[in-house]
Protein backbone atom coordinates (compact mmCIF):
# COMPACT_ATOMS: atom_id res chain seq x y z
CA MET A 1 116.98 139.51 139.58
CA MET A 2 114.04 141.08 141.36
CA THR A 3 115.34 144.55 140.48
CA PHE A 4 115.47 143.61 136.79
CA PHE A 5 111.85 142.44 136.77
CA THR A 6 110.74 145.52 138.71
CA ILE A 7 112.38 147.88 136.21
CA LEU A 8 111.05 145.79 133.30
CA LEU A 9 107.50 145.93 134.68
CA ILE A 10 107.74 149.70 135.16
CA LEU A 11 108.99 150.20 131.60
CA VAL A 12 106.32 147.94 130.09
CA GLY A 13 103.62 149.78 132.06
CA ALA A 14 104.93 153.17 130.96
CA ASN A 15 105.06 151.95 127.37
CA ALA A 16 101.43 150.78 127.58
CA ILE A 17 100.33 154.14 128.99
CA PHE A 18 102.17 156.06 126.25
CA MET A 19 100.67 153.79 123.60
CA VAL A 20 97.13 154.40 124.89
CA PHE A 21 97.66 158.16 124.83
CA SER A 22 99.23 157.99 121.39
CA LEU A 23 96.42 155.92 119.88
CA SER A 24 93.75 158.16 121.37
CA GLY A 25 95.52 161.18 119.84
CA VAL A 26 95.59 159.53 116.42
CA SER A 27 91.86 158.84 116.45
CA ALA A 28 91.13 162.44 117.50
CA LYS A 29 93.32 163.82 114.69
CA GLU A 30 91.72 161.45 112.19
CA ASN A 31 88.26 162.81 112.92
CA LYS A 32 89.40 166.45 112.63
CA GLY A 33 91.53 166.03 109.50
CA ASN A 34 89.07 164.34 107.15
CA ASN A 35 87.90 167.57 105.48
CA ASP A 36 91.44 168.89 105.04
CA SER A 37 92.57 165.90 103.00
CA VAL A 38 89.83 166.48 100.42
CA ASP A 39 90.99 170.06 99.77
CA ALA A 40 94.69 169.20 99.46
CA LYS A 41 95.90 168.76 95.89
CA THR A 42 98.91 166.70 94.94
CA ALA A 43 101.02 167.29 91.87
CA VAL A 44 101.54 164.24 89.66
CA TYR A 45 104.29 164.49 87.10
CA PRO A 46 104.16 162.37 83.91
CA LEU A 47 106.93 159.93 83.09
CA GLN A 48 109.32 160.98 80.35
CA SER A 49 109.14 158.10 77.88
CA SER A 50 111.56 159.78 75.47
CA SER A 51 114.42 159.30 77.92
CA LYS A 52 117.46 157.30 76.75
CA LEU A 53 117.59 155.47 80.09
CA LYS A 54 115.70 152.24 80.67
CA LYS A 55 113.25 151.88 83.51
CA ALA A 56 114.68 150.03 86.51
CA VAL A 57 111.40 148.52 87.55
């Protein structure tokens, strides 16, 4: 039983460390990528209303 809790504590600690590193990486990427998202253009295609099929939603 003690072995189980030891392994569980190690895994929870490792998970917390990985989460801290992951969240700090996301905030760093967010600050760098703000100007890139303004320049990116997305293509929007119009719906074909003359289709013989009905809309599902």
